[in-house]
Amino acid sequence: MTNQELKAYALAHREDLEALDVLYSRRTPDSEAIWFHPPKSIEEERSQFELFKHMIEERAGNNHQNHP
C-alpha cells in the first residue's frame, strides 16, 4: 500500500490505530531534516532566506525533471 493509499485508509478508518502506527513509521526521520536556527542579524536572515530559496528552486527543478 502506498503512503497516499495508507493516508486515505487511515482517514476513512480512524479507529484503526495500527494504520496510524504504520503511517507514522514511514515518516522521514528528523535526521534528514534541515534545521535553521533563528537569525542573529539582518545579514544572517538574508543569507538563510537565499539558501532556503535556492533549496526550494532546486527541489522544484528536480520535480520538473522527474515529471515531464
N, C-alpha and C. Protein backbone atom coordinates (compact mmCIF):
# COMPACT_ATOMS: atom_id res chain seq x y z
N MET A 1 0.86 -1.17 0.00
CA MET A 1 0.00 0.00 0.00
C MET A 1 0.91 1.24 0.00
N THR A 2 0.62 2.17 -0.88
CA THR A 2 1.42 3.40 -0.93
C THR A 2 1.07 4.29 0.26
N ASN A 3 1.91 5.29 0.50
CA ASN A 3 1.62 6.23 1.60
C ASN A 3 0.30 6.95 1.36
N GLN A 4 0.06 7.32 0.12
CA GLN A 4 -1.19 8.02 -0.20
C GLN A 4 -2.40 7.13 0.08
N GLU A 5 -2.32 5.87 -0.31
CA GLU A 5 -3.41 4.93 -0.04
C GLU A 5 -3.58 4.70 1.47
N LEU A 6 -2.45 4.62 2.17
CA LEU A 6 -2.49 4.42 3.62
C LEU A 6 -3.10 5.63 4.32
N LYS A 7 -2.77 6.83 3.87
CA LYS A 7 -3.37 8.04 4.44
C LYS A 7 -4.88 8.03 4.23
N ALA A 8 -5.31 7.68 3.02
CA ALA A 8 -6.75 7.63 2.73
C ALA A 8 -7.43 6.59 3.62
N TYR A 9 -6.79 5.45 3.77
CA TYR A 9 -7.36 4.40 4.62
C TYR A 9 -7.45 4.87 6.07
N ALA A 10 -6.37 5.48 6.56
CA ALA A 10 -6.34 5.95 7.95
C ALA A 10 -7.42 7.00 8.20
N LEU A 11 -7.66 7.86 7.22
CA LEU A 11 -8.71 8.87 7.36
C LEU A 11 -10.10 8.23 7.35
N ALA A 12 -10.26 7.21 6.53
CA ALA A 12 -11.57 6.55 6.44
C ALA A 12 -11.84 5.62 7.62
N HIS A 13 -10.77 5.12 8.24
CA HIS A 13 -10.90 4.17 9.36
C HIS A 13 -10.13 4.70 10.57
N ARG A 14 -10.57 5.82 11.09
CA ARG A 14 -9.86 6.50 12.17
C ARG A 14 -9.71 5.66 13.43
N GLU A 15 -10.55 4.66 13.59
CA GLU A 15 -10.45 3.81 14.78
C GLU A 15 -9.31 2.80 14.67
N ASP A 16 -8.76 2.61 13.47
CA ASP A 16 -7.69 1.65 13.25
C ASP A 16 -6.34 2.29 13.58
N LEU A 17 -5.91 2.12 14.82
CA LEU A 17 -4.67 2.75 15.27
C LEU A 17 -3.43 2.11 14.64
N GLU A 18 -3.55 0.87 14.23
CA GLU A 18 -2.41 0.21 13.58
C GLU A 18 -2.04 0.92 12.27
N ALA A 19 -3.04 1.38 11.54
CA ALA A 19 -2.77 2.11 10.28
C ALA A 19 -1.99 3.38 10.58
N LEU A 20 -2.34 4.06 11.66
CA LEU A 20 -1.61 5.28 12.03
C LEU A 20 -0.19 4.95 12.45
N ASP A 21 0.00 3.85 13.15
CA ASP A 21 1.34 3.42 13.55
C ASP A 21 2.21 3.16 12.32
N VAL A 22 1.65 2.48 11.33
CA VAL A 22 2.41 2.17 10.11
C VAL A 22 2.73 3.47 9.37
N LEU A 23 1.76 4.36 9.25
CA LEU A 23 1.98 5.63 8.57
C LEU A 23 3.06 6.43 9.29
N TYR A 24 3.00 6.47 10.61
CA TYR A 24 4.00 7.19 11.40
C TYR A 24 5.38 6.57 11.21
N SER A 25 5.46 5.27 11.14
CA SER A 25 6.76 4.61 10.98
C SER A 25 7.39 4.89 9.62
N ARG A 26 6.59 5.32 8.65
CA ARG A 26 7.09 5.61 7.31
C ARG A 26 7.56 7.05 7.14
N ARG A 27 7.41 7.86 8.16
CA ARG A 27 7.76 9.27 8.03
C ARG A 27 9.25 9.45 7.78
N THR A 28 9.62 10.61 7.29
CA THR A 28 11.02 10.94 7.07
C THR A 28 11.64 11.28 8.42
N PRO A 29 12.72 10.63 8.77
CA PRO A 29 13.34 10.91 10.06
C PRO A 29 13.85 12.35 10.16
N ASP A 30 13.86 12.87 11.36
CA ASP A 30 14.35 14.22 11.59
C ASP A 30 15.81 14.36 11.19
N SER A 31 16.55 13.26 11.19
CA SER A 31 17.97 13.33 10.82
C SER A 31 18.13 13.79 9.37
N GLU A 32 17.10 13.63 8.55
CA GLU A 32 17.15 14.07 7.16
C GLU A 32 16.64 15.50 7.00
N ALA A 33 16.10 16.07 8.07
CA ALA A 33 15.57 17.43 8.01
C ALA A 33 16.70 18.44 8.02
N ILE A 34 16.44 19.60 7.48
CA ILE A 34 17.41 20.69 7.51
C ILE A 34 16.88 21.70 8.51
N TRP A 35 17.70 21.98 9.51
CA TRP A 35 17.29 22.87 10.60
C TRP A 35 17.93 24.23 10.42
N PHE A 36 17.13 25.26 10.58
CA PHE A 36 17.61 26.64 10.55
C PHE A 36 17.43 27.22 11.94
N HIS A 37 18.49 27.83 12.47
CA HIS A 37 18.36 28.50 13.76
C HIS A 37 17.88 29.92 13.53
N PRO A 38 17.30 30.55 14.54
CA PRO A 38 16.84 31.94 14.36
C PRO A 38 18.02 32.84 14.00
N PRO A 39 17.86 33.67 13.00
CA PRO A 39 18.98 34.55 12.60
C PRO A 39 19.29 35.56 13.70
N LYS A 40 20.58 35.88 13.80
CA LYS A 40 21.05 36.84 14.81
C LYS A 40 21.24 38.23 14.25
N SER A 41 21.13 38.35 12.93
CA SER A 41 21.30 39.65 12.29
C SER A 41 20.50 39.68 11.00
N ILE A 42 20.36 40.86 10.45
CA ILE A 42 19.66 41.02 9.17
C ILE A 42 20.43 40.28 8.07
N GLU A 43 21.75 40.37 8.10
CA GLU A 43 22.56 39.69 7.10
C GLU A 43 22.36 38.17 7.17
N GLU A 44 22.34 37.64 8.38
CA GLU A 44 22.13 36.21 8.55
C GLU A 44 20.73 35.81 8.08
N GLU A 45 19.75 36.66 8.34
CA GLU A 45 18.38 36.40 7.88
C GLU A 45 18.34 36.34 6.36
N ARG A 46 18.99 37.29 5.71
CA ARG A 46 19.03 37.32 4.25
C ARG A 46 19.75 36.09 3.70
N SER A 47 20.84 35.72 4.34
CA SER A 47 21.60 34.56 3.91
C SER A 47 20.77 33.29 4.01
N GLN A 48 20.08 33.13 5.13
CA GLN A 48 19.22 31.95 5.31
C GLN A 48 18.09 31.95 4.29
N PHE A 49 17.52 33.12 4.05
CA PHE A 49 16.43 33.21 3.08
C PHE A 49 16.91 32.80 1.69
N GLU A 50 18.08 33.29 1.29
CA GLU A 50 18.62 32.95 -0.03
C GLU A 50 18.92 31.45 -0.12
N LEU A 51 19.46 30.88 0.95
CA LEU A 51 19.73 29.45 0.96
C LEU A 51 18.43 28.65 0.85
N PHE A 52 17.44 29.04 1.62
CA PHE A 52 16.15 28.37 1.59
C PHE A 52 15.51 28.49 0.20
N LYS A 53 15.56 29.69 -0.37
CA LYS A 53 15.02 29.92 -1.71
C LYS A 53 15.72 29.04 -2.74
N HIS A 54 17.04 28.95 -2.65
CA HIS A 54 17.81 28.10 -3.56
C HIS A 54 17.40 26.63 -3.41
N MET A 55 17.21 26.18 -2.19
CA MET A 55 16.82 24.79 -1.94
C MET A 55 15.44 24.50 -2.56
N ILE A 56 14.51 25.44 -2.42
CA ILE A 56 13.17 25.27 -2.98
C ILE A 56 13.24 25.24 -4.51
N GLU A 57 14.00 26.15 -5.09
CA GLU A 57 14.13 26.18 -6.55
C GLU A 57 14.78 24.90 -7.07
N GLU A 58 15.78 24.42 -6.34
CA GLU A 58 16.46 23.18 -6.73
C GLU A 58 15.48 22.00 -6.68
N ARG A 59 14.71 21.94 -5.63
CA ARG A 59 13.73 20.85 -5.48
C ARG A 59 12.65 20.95 -6.57
N ALA A 60 12.20 22.16 -6.87
CA ALA A 60 11.21 22.34 -7.92
C ALA A 60 11.78 21.92 -9.27
N GLY A 61 13.04 22.22 -9.52
CA GLY A 61 13.69 21.80 -10.76
C GLY A 61 13.79 20.30 -10.86
N ASN A 62 14.08 19.64 -9.73
CA ASN A 62 14.15 18.17 -9.74
C ASN A 62 12.79 17.57 -9.98
N ASN A 63 11.73 18.17 -9.46
CA ASN A 63 10.38 17.65 -9.67
C ASN A 63 9.98 17.78 -11.13
N HIS A 64 10.40 18.88 -11.78
CA HIS A 64 10.06 19.05 -13.20
C HIS A 64 10.80 18.03 -14.06
N GLN A 65 12.01 17.66 -13.64
CA GLN A 65 12.76 16.67 -14.40
C GLN A 65 12.15 15.29 -14.25
N ASN A 66 11.60 14.98 -13.07
CA ASN A 66 11.02 13.68 -12.81
C ASN A 66 9.61 13.55 -13.37
N HIS A 67 8.92 14.67 -13.56
CA HIS A 67 7.52 14.65 -14.04
C HIS A 67 7.41 15.56 -15.26
N PRO A 68 7.58 15.02 -16.45
CA PRO A 68 7.52 15.86 -17.67
C PRO A 68 6.14 16.40 -17.95
